[in-house]
Amino acid sequence: MSRIGKKEIAIPDKVEVTITEDASGQTVKVKGPLGELSRQFRPEVKIAKADNLITISRSSENKLARSLHGLSRSLLANMVTGVTQGFKKELEIHGVGYRAKLAGANLDFQIGKSHPVVVVPPTGIKFEVQDQTNIIVTGYDKELVGQIAANIIAIRPPEPYKGKGIRVKGQKIRRKAGKSGAKA
């Protein structure tokens, strides 16, 4: 039995959970103070709501159902956490002349390219720029926050020689030694 899958999920106050069932599985909608999330779950996993607790069980003991048990519980717990507390990713920019600023809700980067790079946030995502080199991506959908942070890092990933680029705060970059000078 999955240790994670066995744990029940407590539904906090001000959060509505709606479970609908159809032929392709179950659809769970979670609505809270920060937003609303919806996800389709596979039919191998059964989701039940009783009082202020959500329990997840599997229909059989085959490999697919066992693998989906803990995953489904984690996804559903992240949905509940997201609409109540939200998620954030902190990014930092390293490099001389590299900087970011907010232009309305959009992020405007100057990172060594011939043109400024503008990132438009999708619905549910907010950007904060603490100073020119620290960015915070916040939102209620954990998957979307992580994807937007990855897209921002892909604009200028950290390079191994000088460490310049955009990275997650606190990330260590494995540095390479540069070319050694020719001895003549």
C-alpha atoms as a PDB file:
ATOM      1  CA  MET A   1       0.000   0.000   0.000  1.00  0.00           C
ATOM      2  CA  SER A   2       1.255   3.463  -0.831  1.00  0.00           C
ATOM      3  CA  ARG A   3       2.238   5.388   2.285  1.00  0.00           C
ATOM      4  CA  ILE A   4       1.475   8.686   0.622  1.00  0.00           C
ATOM      5  CA  GLY A   5      -1.759   7.404  -0.914  1.00  0.00           C
ATOM      6  CA  LYS A   6      -3.083   6.241   2.465  1.00  0.00           C
ATOM      7  CA  LYS A   7      -2.915   9.736   3.975  1.00  0.00           C
ATOM      8  CA  GLU A   8      -6.180  11.631   4.078  1.00  0.00           C
ATOM      9  CA  ILE A   9      -6.389  15.214   2.843  1.00  0.00           C
ATOM     10  CA  ALA A  10      -8.004  17.692   5.225  1.00  0.00           C
ATOM     11  CA  ILE A  11     -10.218  20.289   3.553  1.00  0.00           C
ATOM     12  CA  PRO A  12      -9.667  23.696   5.182  1.00  0.00           C
ATOM     13  CA  ASP A  13     -12.399  26.259   5.765  1.00  0.00           C
ATOM     14  CA  LYS A  14     -13.395  28.405   2.764  1.00  0.00           C
ATOM     15  CA  VAL A  15     -12.491  25.571   0.344  1.00  0.00           C
ATOM     16  CA  GLU A  16     -15.109  23.785  -1.762  1.00  0.00           C
ATOM     17  CA  VAL A  17     -14.349  20.373  -3.269  1.00  0.00           C
ATOM     18  CA  THR A  18     -16.669  18.962  -5.927  1.00  0.00           C
ATOM     19  CA  ILE A  19     -16.229  15.422  -7.259  1.00  0.00           C
ATOM     20  CA  THR A  20     -18.036  14.345 -10.431  1.00  0.00           C
ATOM     21  CA  GLU A  21     -17.761  10.912 -11.985  1.00  0.00           C
ATOM     22  CA  ASP A  22     -18.029   9.906 -15.632  1.00  0.00           C
ATOM     23  CA  ALA A  23     -16.848   7.070 -17.913  1.00  0.00           C
ATOM     24  CA  SER A  24     -13.280   8.375 -18.228  1.00  0.00           C
ATOM     25  CA  GLY A  25     -12.709   8.754 -14.465  1.00  0.00           C
ATOM     26  CA  GLN A  26     -13.418  11.426 -11.890  1.00  0.00           C
ATOM     27  CA  THR A  27     -13.173  15.178 -12.190  1.00  0.00           C
ATOM     28  CA  VAL A  28     -12.305  17.071  -9.011  1.00  0.00           C
ATOM     29  CA  LYS A  29     -12.862  20.818  -8.734  1.00  0.00           C
ATOM     30  CA  VAL A  30     -11.292  22.688  -5.845  1.00  0.00           C
ATOM     31  CA  LYS A  31     -12.356  26.275  -5.213  1.00  0.00           C
ATOM     32  CA  GLY A  32     -10.684  28.459  -2.605  1.00  0.00           C
ATOM     33  CA  PRO A  33      -9.820  32.061  -1.774  1.00  0.00           C
ATOM     34  CA  LEU A  34      -6.946  32.257  -4.317  1.00  0.00           C
ATOM     35  CA  GLY A  35      -8.642  30.596  -7.274  1.00  0.00           C
ATOM     36  CA  GLU A  36     -10.214  27.493  -8.747  1.00  0.00           C
ATOM     37  CA  LEU A  37      -8.503  24.340 -10.040  1.00  0.00           C
ATOM     38  CA  SER A  38      -9.908  21.339 -11.850  1.00  0.00           C
ATOM     39  CA  ARG A  39      -8.274  18.019 -12.743  1.00  0.00           C
ATOM     40  CA  GLN A  40      -9.364  14.760 -14.346  1.00  0.00           C
ATOM     41  CA  PHE A  41      -8.262  11.608 -12.466  1.00  0.00           C
ATOM     42  CA  ARG A  42      -7.955   8.124 -13.945  1.00  0.00           C
ATOM     43  CA  PRO A  43     -10.661   5.480 -13.256  1.00  0.00           C
ATOM     44  CA  GLU A  44      -8.109   3.207 -11.495  1.00  0.00           C
ATOM     45  CA  VAL A  45      -8.227   5.589  -8.521  1.00  0.00           C
ATOM     46  CA  LYS A  46     -11.367   6.301  -6.501  1.00  0.00           C
ATOM     47  CA  ILE A  47     -11.719   9.616  -4.670  1.00  0.00           C
ATOM     48  CA  ALA A  48     -14.236   9.964  -1.853  1.00  0.00           C
ATOM     49  CA  LYS A  49     -15.193  12.949   0.261  1.00  0.00           C
ATOM     50  CA  ALA A  50     -16.573  12.532   3.764  1.00  0.00           C
ATOM     51  CA  ASP A  51     -17.026  15.474   6.153  1.00  0.00           C
ATOM     52  CA  ASN A  52     -13.860  17.574   5.767  1.00  0.00           C
ATOM     53  CA  LEU A  53     -11.606  14.729   4.593  1.00  0.00           C
ATOM     54  CA  ILE A  54     -10.756  13.364   1.165  1.00  0.00           C
ATOM     55  CA  THR A  55      -9.651   9.737   0.890  1.00  0.00           C
ATOM     56  CA  ILE A  56      -8.094   8.099  -2.138  1.00  0.00           C
ATOM     57  CA  SER A  57      -8.240   4.372  -2.814  1.00  0.00           C
ATOM     58  CA  ARG A  58      -7.380   2.196  -5.775  1.00  0.00           C
ATOM     59  CA  SER A  59      -9.718  -0.173  -7.573  1.00  0.00           C
ATOM     60  CA  SER A  60      -7.252  -3.045  -7.996  1.00  0.00           C
ATOM     61  CA  GLU A  61      -3.727  -4.108  -7.097  1.00  0.00           C
ATOM     62  CA  ASN A  62      -2.226  -4.010 -10.592  1.00  0.00           C
ATOM     63  CA  LYS A  63       0.925  -2.002 -11.281  1.00  0.00           C
ATOM     64  CA  LEU A  64      -0.834   0.954 -12.940  1.00  0.00           C
ATOM     65  CA  ALA A  65      -3.316   1.409 -10.085  1.00  0.00           C
ATOM     66  CA  ARG A  66      -0.531   1.190  -7.485  1.00  0.00           C
ATOM     67  CA  SER A  67       1.557   3.780  -9.306  1.00  0.00           C
ATOM     68  CA  LEU A  68      -1.380   6.178  -9.666  1.00  0.00           C
ATOM     69  CA  HIS A  69      -2.443   5.929  -6.006  1.00  0.00           C
ATOM     70  CA  GLY A  70       0.272   8.121  -4.436  1.00  0.00           C
ATOM     71  CA  LEU A  71       0.469  10.401  -7.483  1.00  0.00           C
ATOM     72  CA  SER A  72      -3.249  11.187  -7.370  1.00  0.00           C
ATOM     73  CA  ARG A  73      -3.100  11.953  -3.663  1.00  0.00           C
ATOM     74  CA  SER A  74      -0.131  14.311  -4.154  1.00  0.00           C
ATOM     75  CA  LEU A  75      -1.813  16.116  -7.047  1.00  0.00           C
ATOM     76  CA  LEU A  76      -5.031  16.559  -5.072  1.00  0.00           C
ATOM     77  CA  ALA A  77      -3.145  17.768  -1.964  1.00  0.00           C
ATOM     78  CA  ASN A  78      -1.277  20.301  -4.127  1.00  0.00           C
ATOM     79  CA  MET A  79      -4.590  21.554  -5.502  1.00  0.00           C
ATOM     80  CA  VAL A  80      -5.952  22.130  -1.975  1.00  0.00           C
ATOM     81  CA  THR A  81      -2.717  23.796  -0.829  1.00  0.00           C
ATOM     82  CA  GLY A  82      -2.598  25.964  -3.956  1.00  0.00           C
ATOM     83  CA  VAL A  83      -6.051  27.499  -3.580  1.00  0.00           C
ATOM     84  CA  THR A  84      -5.442  28.250   0.118  1.00  0.00           C
ATOM     85  CA  GLN A  85      -1.748  29.256   0.396  1.00  0.00           C
ATOM     86  CA  GLY A  86      -0.389  29.329  -3.154  1.00  0.00           C
ATOM     87  CA  PHE A  87       3.077  28.432  -4.425  1.00  0.00           C
ATOM     88  CA  LYS A  88       6.138  30.473  -5.303  1.00  0.00           C
ATOM     89  CA  LYS A  89       9.465  30.051  -7.063  1.00  0.00           C
ATOM     90  CA  GLU A  90      12.316  32.454  -6.428  1.00  0.00           C
ATOM     91  CA  LEU A  91      14.725  33.126  -9.295  1.00  0.00           C
ATOM     92  CA  GLU A  92      17.935  35.124  -9.364  1.00  0.00           C
ATOM     93  CA  ILE A  93      19.858  36.668 -12.236  1.00  0.00           C
ATOM     94  CA  HIS A  94      23.675  36.601 -12.360  1.00  0.00           C
ATOM     95  CA  GLY A  95      25.728  38.579 -14.852  1.00  0.00           C
ATOM     96  CA  VAL A  96      27.003  42.081 -15.441  1.00  0.00           C
ATOM     97  CA  GLY A  97      24.228  44.207 -16.949  1.00  0.00           C
ATOM     98  CA  TYR A  98      21.583  41.479 -16.597  1.00  0.00           C
ATOM     99  CA  ARG A  99      18.412  42.762 -15.001  1.00  0.00           C
ATOM    100  CA  ALA A 100      14.631  42.462 -14.927  1.00  0.00           C
ATOM    101  CA  LYS A 101      11.846  44.924 -14.297  1.00  0.00           C
ATOM    102  CA  LEU A 102       8.069  44.884 -14.216  1.00  0.00           C
ATOM    103  CA  ALA A 103       6.249  46.570 -17.088  1.00  0.00           C
ATOM    104  CA  GLY A 104       2.662  46.448 -15.876  1.00  0.00           C
ATOM    105  CA  ALA A 105       2.119  42.745 -15.147  1.00  0.00           C
ATOM    106  CA  ASN A 106       4.780  41.639 -17.663  1.00  0.00           C
ATOM    107  CA  LEU A 107       8.436  40.898 -16.942  1.00  0.00           C
ATOM    108  CA  ASP A 108      10.960  42.760 -19.081  1.00  0.00           C
ATOM    109  CA  PHE A 109      14.457  41.230 -19.236  1.00  0.00           C
ATOM    110  CA  GLN A 110      17.743  42.789 -20.337  1.00  0.00           C
ATOM    111  CA  ILE A 111      20.005  39.752 -20.444  1.00  0.00           C
ATOM    112  CA  GLY A 112      22.676  40.221 -23.047  1.00  0.00           C
ATOM    113  CA  LYS A 113      20.503  39.933 -26.135  1.00  0.00           C
ATOM    114  CA  SER A 114      20.074  42.596 -28.808  1.00  0.00           C
ATOM    115  CA  HIS A 115      16.465  43.125 -27.748  1.00  0.00           C
ATOM    116  CA  PRO A 116      14.542  43.084 -24.468  1.00  0.00           C
ATOM    117  CA  VAL A 117      12.733  39.824 -23.717  1.00  0.00           C
ATOM    118  CA  VAL A 118       9.163  40.227 -22.417  1.00  0.00           C
ATOM    119  CA  VAL A 119       7.372  37.453 -20.499  1.00  0.00           C
ATOM    120  CA  VAL A 120       3.570  37.754 -20.280  1.00  0.00           C
ATOM    121  CA  PRO A 121       2.043  35.944 -17.278  1.00  0.00           C
ATOM    122  CA  PRO A 122      -0.866  33.562 -17.900  1.00  0.00           C
ATOM    123  CA  THR A 123      -3.958  33.837 -15.733  1.00  0.00           C
ATOM    124  CA  GLY A 124      -3.259  32.838 -12.143  1.00  0.00           C
ATOM    125  CA  ILE A 125       0.442  33.820 -12.234  1.00  0.00           C
ATOM    126  CA  LYS A 126       1.943  36.980 -10.754  1.00  0.00           C
ATOM    127  CA  PHE A 127       5.492  38.280 -10.991  1.00  0.00           C
ATOM    128  CA  GLU A 128       7.330  40.288  -8.341  1.00  0.00           C
ATOM    129  CA  VAL A 129      10.720  41.925  -8.807  1.00  0.00           C
ATOM    130  CA  GLN A 130      12.379  42.626  -5.452  1.00  0.00           C
ATOM    131  CA  ASP A 131      15.412  44.271  -6.972  1.00  0.00           C
ATOM    132  CA  GLN A 132      16.783  44.051 -10.485  1.00  0.00           C
ATOM    133  CA  THR A 133      18.190  40.564  -9.986  1.00  0.00           C
ATOM    134  CA  ASN A 134      15.596  38.739  -7.837  1.00  0.00           C
ATOM    135  CA  ILE A 135      12.272  37.574  -9.270  1.00  0.00           C
ATOM    136  CA  ILE A 136       9.406  35.768  -7.533  1.00  0.00           C
ATOM    137  CA  VAL A 137       6.839  33.786  -9.548  1.00  0.00           C
ATOM    138  CA  THR A 138       3.651  33.138  -7.533  1.00  0.00           C
ATOM    139  CA  GLY A 139       0.395  31.379  -8.305  1.00  0.00           C
ATOM    140  CA  TYR A 140      -2.107  28.820  -7.088  1.00  0.00           C
ATOM    141  CA  ASP A 141      -1.285  26.068  -9.627  1.00  0.00           C
ATOM    142  CA  LYS A 142       1.999  24.352  -8.655  1.00  0.00           C
ATOM    143  CA  GLU A 143       2.487  22.838 -12.097  1.00  0.00           C
ATOM    144  CA  LEU A 144       2.009  26.168 -13.873  1.00  0.00           C
ATOM    145  CA  VAL A 145       4.301  28.052 -11.449  1.00  0.00           C
ATOM    146  CA  GLY A 146       7.066  25.524 -12.084  1.00  0.00           C
ATOM    147  CA  GLN A 147       6.559  25.615 -15.857  1.00  0.00           C
ATOM    148  CA  ILE A 148       6.661  29.421 -16.038  1.00  0.00           C
ATOM    149  CA  ALA A 149       9.819  29.453 -13.880  1.00  0.00           C
ATOM    150  CA  ALA A 150      11.395  26.885 -16.221  1.00  0.00           C
ATOM    151  CA  ASN A 151      10.419  28.983 -19.252  1.00  0.00           C
ATOM    152  CA  ILE A 152      12.075  32.047 -17.685  1.00  0.00           C
ATOM    153  CA  ILE A 153      15.246  30.066 -16.925  1.00  0.00           C
ATOM    154  CA  ALA A 154      15.289  28.808 -20.543  1.00  0.00           C
ATOM    155  CA  ILE A 155      15.627  32.415 -21.770  1.00  0.00           C
ATOM    156  CA  ARG A 156      19.207  32.516 -20.441  1.00  0.00           C
ATOM    157  CA  PRO A 157      20.207  29.295 -18.613  1.00  0.00           C
ATOM    158  CA  PRO A 158      23.268  29.521 -16.372  1.00  0.00           C
ATOM    159  CA  GLU A 159      26.475  28.771 -18.246  1.00  0.00           C
ATOM    160  CA  PRO A 160      29.223  26.666 -16.621  1.00  0.00           C
ATOM    161  CA  TYR A 161      32.255  28.943 -17.146  1.00  0.00           C
ATOM    162  CA  LYS A 162      31.259  32.195 -15.441  1.00  0.00           C
ATOM    163  CA  GLY A 163      27.884  31.174 -13.981  1.00  0.00           C
ATOM    164  CA  LYS A 164      25.999  33.937 -15.785  1.00  0.00           C
ATOM    165  CA  GLY A 165      22.287  33.461 -16.423  1.00  0.00           C
ATOM    166  CA  ILE A 166      18.959  32.956 -14.661  1.00  0.00           C
ATOM    167  CA  ARG A 167      18.717  30.266 -11.980  1.00  0.00           C
ATOM    168  CA  VAL A 168      16.586  29.140  -9.063  1.00  0.00           C
ATOM    169  CA  LYS A 169      17.594  30.924  -5.872  1.00  0.00           C
ATOM    170  CA  GLY A 170      20.287  28.982  -4.051  1.00  0.00           C
ATOM    171  CA  GLN A 171      21.035  26.675  -6.994  1.00  0.00           C
ATOM    172  CA  LYS A 172      24.688  25.677  -7.239  1.00  0.00           C
ATOM    173  CA  ILE A 173      26.214  25.717 -10.717  1.00  0.00           C
ATOM    174  CA  ARG A 174      29.008  23.250 -11.429  1.00  0.00           C
ATOM    175  CA  ARG A 175      31.766  25.413 -12.800  1.00  0.00           C
ATOM    176  CA  LYS A 176      34.238  24.314 -15.461  1.00  0.00           C
ATOM    177  CA  ALA A 177      37.824  25.438 -15.667  1.00  0.00           C
ATOM    178  CA  GLY A 178      38.508  27.692 -18.641  1.00  0.00           C
ATOM    179  CA  LYS A 179      41.122  27.082 -21.268  1.00  0.00           C
ATOM    180  CA  SER A 180      44.637  27.050 -19.961  1.00  0.00           C
ATOM    181  CA  GLY A 181      46.999  29.438 -21.693  1.00  0.00           C
ATOM    182  CA  ALA A 182      49.410  28.059 -24.300  1.00  0.00           C
ATOM    183  CA  LYS A 183      52.950  27.904 -22.957  1.00  0.00           C
ATOM    184  CA  ALA A 184      55.460  29.165 -25.511  1.00  0.00           C
END
